Amino acid sequence: MLTFDQLTLEEGSPIYLQLVRYVRQQIAGGRIAHGAELPSRRVLSALLGVNPNTVQKAYRILEDEGLIASHTGAKSCVVADDYTRARVRAQLLRAELAKTVDAMQRMGVDRPEAHALLDQVWDDPLKGGPEP
């Protein structure tokens, strides 16, 4: 069963979107397998201290995307074969990369400098942090 222990809700972003993103990330990262159960809407809403409608909205989006399947009277299950996992992973990575590229372009970073910075941070993530 997918747990939401690692989810930290953030201010300024709708909770239902945070739930959708968390499930997508768990699928993309291979931390949840095809057929794994999700907590019921009521259980998850109680666990997170949010309105059940919030969880319902998140689950509906995930159902519409084909990432979970829900049946009346049964728990929702993840639908994530290898193709789906790869598709979700690519979508998430492209979205994150697009934000980073946009920020770099706004700061006047050119492609060679961006590549060099990526290599530097890849090799030593601590070097990518702010200077003291």
C-alpha atoms as a PDB file:
ATOM      1  CA  MET A   1       0.000   0.000   0.000  1.00  0.00           C
ATOM      2  CA  LEU A   2       1.191   3.478  -0.824  1.00  0.00           C
ATOM      3  CA  THR A   3       1.833   5.438   2.336  1.00  0.00           C
ATOM      4  CA  PHE A   4       1.914   9.178   2.540  1.00  0.00           C
ATOM      5  CA  ASP A   5       4.525   9.317   5.321  1.00  0.00           C
ATOM      6  CA  GLN A   6       6.982  11.235   3.133  1.00  0.00           C
ATOM      7  CA  LEU A   7       4.439  13.812   1.970  1.00  0.00           C
ATOM      8  CA  THR A   8       4.942  17.270   3.422  1.00  0.00           C
ATOM      9  CA  LEU A   9       2.150  19.660   2.523  1.00  0.00           C
ATOM     10  CA  GLU A  10       3.354  23.095   1.456  1.00  0.00           C
ATOM     11  CA  GLU A  11       1.704  26.485   1.698  1.00  0.00           C
ATOM     12  CA  GLY A  12       0.697  28.216  -1.504  1.00  0.00           C
ATOM     13  CA  SER A  13      -0.128  25.166  -3.607  1.00  0.00           C
ATOM     14  CA  PRO A  14      -3.515  23.426  -3.665  1.00  0.00           C
ATOM     15  CA  ILE A  15      -3.414  20.265  -1.554  1.00  0.00           C
ATOM     16  CA  TYR A  16      -5.118  18.140  -4.193  1.00  0.00           C
ATOM     17  CA  LEU A  17      -2.352  19.017  -6.678  1.00  0.00           C
ATOM     18  CA  GLN A  18       0.283  18.131  -4.095  1.00  0.00           C
ATOM     19  CA  LEU A  19      -1.368  14.734  -3.641  1.00  0.00           C
ATOM     20  CA  VAL A  20      -1.446  14.155  -7.404  1.00  0.00           C
ATOM     21  CA  ARG A  21       2.215  15.115  -7.720  1.00  0.00           C
ATOM     22  CA  TYR A  22       3.219  12.856  -4.825  1.00  0.00           C
ATOM     23  CA  VAL A  23       1.510   9.819  -6.353  1.00  0.00           C
ATOM     24  CA  ARG A  24       3.013  10.598  -9.762  1.00  0.00           C
ATOM     25  CA  GLN A  25       6.490  10.851  -8.197  1.00  0.00           C
ATOM     26  CA  GLN A  26       6.040   7.565  -6.337  1.00  0.00           C
ATOM     27  CA  ILE A  27       5.028   5.860  -9.580  1.00  0.00           C
ATOM     28  CA  ALA A  28       7.846   7.482 -11.595  1.00  0.00           C
ATOM     29  CA  GLY A  29      10.427   6.578  -8.972  1.00  0.00           C
ATOM     30  CA  GLY A  30       9.335   2.956  -8.863  1.00  0.00           C
ATOM     31  CA  ARG A  31       8.470   3.180  -5.166  1.00  0.00           C
ATOM     32  CA  ILE A  32       4.979   1.901  -5.769  1.00  0.00           C
ATOM     33  CA  ALA A  33       4.152  -1.104  -7.885  1.00  0.00           C
ATOM     34  CA  HIS A  34       1.355  -1.844 -10.295  1.00  0.00           C
ATOM     35  CA  GLY A  35      -1.668  -3.036  -8.319  1.00  0.00           C
ATOM     36  CA  ALA A  36      -0.643  -1.439  -5.021  1.00  0.00           C
ATOM     37  CA  GLU A  37      -3.538  -0.094  -2.990  1.00  0.00           C
ATOM     38  CA  LEU A  38      -3.999   3.505  -1.976  1.00  0.00           C
ATOM     39  CA  PRO A  39      -5.611   4.490   1.297  1.00  0.00           C
ATOM     40  CA  SER A  40      -9.328   5.139   1.061  1.00  0.00           C
ATOM     41  CA  ARG A  41     -10.371   8.720   0.578  1.00  0.00           C
ATOM     42  CA  ARG A  42     -11.682   8.975   4.138  1.00  0.00           C
ATOM     43  CA  VAL A  43      -8.590   7.395   5.675  1.00  0.00           C
ATOM     44  CA  LEU A  44      -6.234   9.653   3.739  1.00  0.00           C
ATOM     45  CA  SER A  45      -8.248  12.784   4.489  1.00  0.00           C
ATOM     46  CA  ALA A  46      -8.171  11.933   8.211  1.00  0.00           C
ATOM     47  CA  LEU A  47      -4.448  11.148   8.083  1.00  0.00           C
ATOM     48  CA  LEU A  48      -3.633  14.463   6.422  1.00  0.00           C
ATOM     49  CA  GLY A  49      -6.287  16.505   8.203  1.00  0.00           C
ATOM     50  CA  VAL A  50      -7.888  17.682   4.977  1.00  0.00           C
ATOM     51  CA  ASN A  51     -11.391  17.664   3.585  1.00  0.00           C
ATOM     52  CA  PRO A  52     -12.395  14.336   1.966  1.00  0.00           C
ATOM     53  CA  ASN A  53     -13.397  16.288  -1.145  1.00  0.00           C
ATOM     54  CA  THR A  54      -9.762  17.336  -1.531  1.00  0.00           C
ATOM     55  CA  VAL A  55      -8.640  13.710  -1.658  1.00  0.00           C
ATOM     56  CA  GLN A  56     -11.572  12.866  -3.948  1.00  0.00           C
ATOM     57  CA  LYS A  57     -10.477  15.576  -6.389  1.00  0.00           C
ATOM     58  CA  ALA A  58      -6.881  14.260  -6.422  1.00  0.00           C
ATOM     59  CA  TYR A  59      -8.001  10.657  -6.933  1.00  0.00           C
ATOM     60  CA  ARG A  60     -10.334  11.733  -9.747  1.00  0.00           C
ATOM     61  CA  ILE A  61      -7.440  13.423 -11.583  1.00  0.00           C
ATOM     62  CA  LEU A  62      -5.268  10.327 -11.150  1.00  0.00           C
ATOM     63  CA  GLU A  63      -8.130   8.166 -12.442  1.00  0.00           C
ATOM     64  CA  ASP A  64      -8.607  10.445 -15.455  1.00  0.00           C
ATOM     65  CA  GLU A  65      -4.871  10.122 -16.200  1.00  0.00           C
ATOM     66  CA  GLY A  66      -5.144   6.338 -15.992  1.00  0.00           C
ATOM     67  CA  LEU A  67      -2.733   6.110 -13.063  1.00  0.00           C
ATOM     68  CA  ILE A  68      -5.187   4.628 -10.584  1.00  0.00           C
ATOM     69  CA  ALA A  69      -8.341   2.572 -10.869  1.00  0.00           C
ATOM     70  CA  SER A  70     -11.190   2.796  -8.407  1.00  0.00           C
ATOM     71  CA  HIS A  71     -14.150   0.492  -7.996  1.00  0.00           C
ATOM     72  CA  THR A  72     -17.231   1.025  -5.871  1.00  0.00           C
ATOM     73  CA  GLY A  73     -16.757  -0.565  -2.468  1.00  0.00           C
ATOM     74  CA  ALA A  74     -13.093  -1.361  -3.105  1.00  0.00           C
ATOM     75  CA  LYS A  75      -9.851   0.509  -2.559  1.00  0.00           C
ATOM     76  CA  SER A  76      -8.188   2.399  -5.352  1.00  0.00           C
ATOM     77  CA  CYS A  77      -5.207   0.668  -6.950  1.00  0.00           C
ATOM     78  CA  VAL A  78      -2.227   1.933  -8.905  1.00  0.00           C
ATOM     79  CA  VAL A  79      -2.184   1.166 -12.617  1.00  0.00           C
ATOM     80  CA  ALA A  80       1.461   1.567 -13.526  1.00  0.00           C
ATOM     81  CA  ASP A  81       3.026  -0.813 -16.019  1.00  0.00           C
ATOM     82  CA  ASP A  82       6.537  -0.105 -17.310  1.00  0.00           C
ATOM     83  CA  TYR A  83       5.262   2.077 -20.154  1.00  0.00           C
ATOM     84  CA  THR A  84       3.125   4.193 -17.809  1.00  0.00           C
ATOM     85  CA  ARG A  85       5.958   4.553 -15.317  1.00  0.00           C
ATOM     86  CA  ALA A  86       8.332   5.731 -18.066  1.00  0.00           C
ATOM     87  CA  ARG A  87       5.739   8.163 -19.449  1.00  0.00           C
ATOM     88  CA  VAL A  88       5.046   9.726 -16.039  1.00  0.00           C
ATOM     89  CA  ARG A  89       8.746   9.939 -15.247  1.00  0.00           C
ATOM     90  CA  ALA A  90       9.477  11.715 -18.538  1.00  0.00           C
ATOM     91  CA  GLN A  91       6.604  14.173 -17.980  1.00  0.00           C
ATOM     92  CA  LEU A  92       7.774  15.045 -14.456  1.00  0.00           C
ATOM     93  CA  LEU A  93      11.405  15.430 -15.475  1.00  0.00           C
ATOM     94  CA  ARG A  94      10.535  17.618 -18.469  1.00  0.00           C
ATOM     95  CA  ALA A  95       8.359  19.869 -16.297  1.00  0.00           C
ATOM     96  CA  GLU A  96      11.084  20.299 -13.670  1.00  0.00           C
ATOM     97  CA  LEU A  97      13.746  20.862 -16.307  1.00  0.00           C
ATOM     98  CA  ALA A  98      11.584  23.431 -18.088  1.00  0.00           C
ATOM     99  CA  LYS A  99      11.344  25.469 -14.862  1.00  0.00           C
ATOM    100  CA  THR A 100      15.100  25.303 -14.373  1.00  0.00           C
ATOM    101  CA  VAL A 101      15.857  26.250 -17.987  1.00  0.00           C
ATOM    102  CA  ASP A 102      13.419  29.163 -17.759  1.00  0.00           C
ATOM    103  CA  ALA A 103      15.130  30.444 -14.594  1.00  0.00           C
ATOM    104  CA  MET A 104      18.565  30.078 -16.187  1.00  0.00           C
ATOM    105  CA  GLN A 105      17.486  31.937 -19.318  1.00  0.00           C
ATOM    106  CA  ARG A 106      16.047  34.769 -17.226  1.00  0.00           C
ATOM    107  CA  MET A 107      19.466  35.026 -15.499  1.00  0.00           C
ATOM    108  CA  GLY A 108      21.301  35.180 -18.816  1.00  0.00           C
ATOM    109  CA  VAL A 109      22.850  31.710 -18.618  1.00  0.00           C
ATOM    110  CA  ASP A 110      23.770  30.317 -22.022  1.00  0.00           C
ATOM    111  CA  ARG A 111      23.694  26.645 -23.047  1.00  0.00           C
ATOM    112  CA  PRO A 112      27.420  25.894 -22.474  1.00  0.00           C
ATOM    113  CA  GLU A 113      27.291  27.496 -19.023  1.00  0.00           C
ATOM    114  CA  ALA A 114      24.121  25.547 -18.195  1.00  0.00           C
ATOM    115  CA  HIS A 115      25.759  22.276 -19.254  1.00  0.00           C
ATOM    116  CA  ALA A 116      28.850  23.059 -17.162  1.00  0.00           C
ATOM    117  CA  LEU A 117      26.699  23.867 -14.150  1.00  0.00           C
ATOM    118  CA  LEU A 118      24.694  20.671 -14.582  1.00  0.00           C
ATOM    119  CA  ASP A 119      27.900  18.642 -14.715  1.00  0.00           C
ATOM    120  CA  GLN A 120      29.221  20.398 -11.616  1.00  0.00           C
ATOM    121  CA  VAL A 121      26.053  19.867  -9.592  1.00  0.00           C
ATOM    122  CA  TRP A 122      25.685  16.298 -10.864  1.00  0.00           C
ATOM    123  CA  ASP A 123      29.173  15.413  -9.654  1.00  0.00           C
ATOM    124  CA  ASP A 124      28.887  17.260  -6.340  1.00  0.00           C
ATOM    125  CA  PRO A 125      25.396  18.566  -5.429  1.00  0.00           C
ATOM    126  CA  LEU A 126      26.854  20.609  -2.556  1.00  0.00           C
ATOM    127  CA  LYS A 127      28.874  22.711  -5.033  1.00  0.00           C
ATOM    128  CA  GLY A 128      25.622  23.870  -6.578  1.00  0.00           C
ATOM    129  CA  GLY A 129      24.446  25.583  -3.416  1.00  0.00           C
ATOM    130  CA  PRO A 130      24.699  29.273  -2.608  1.00  0.00           C
ATOM    131  CA  GLU A 131      28.122  30.687  -1.791  1.00  0.00           C
ATOM    132  CA  PRO A 132      28.695  31.608   1.889  1.00  0.00           C
END
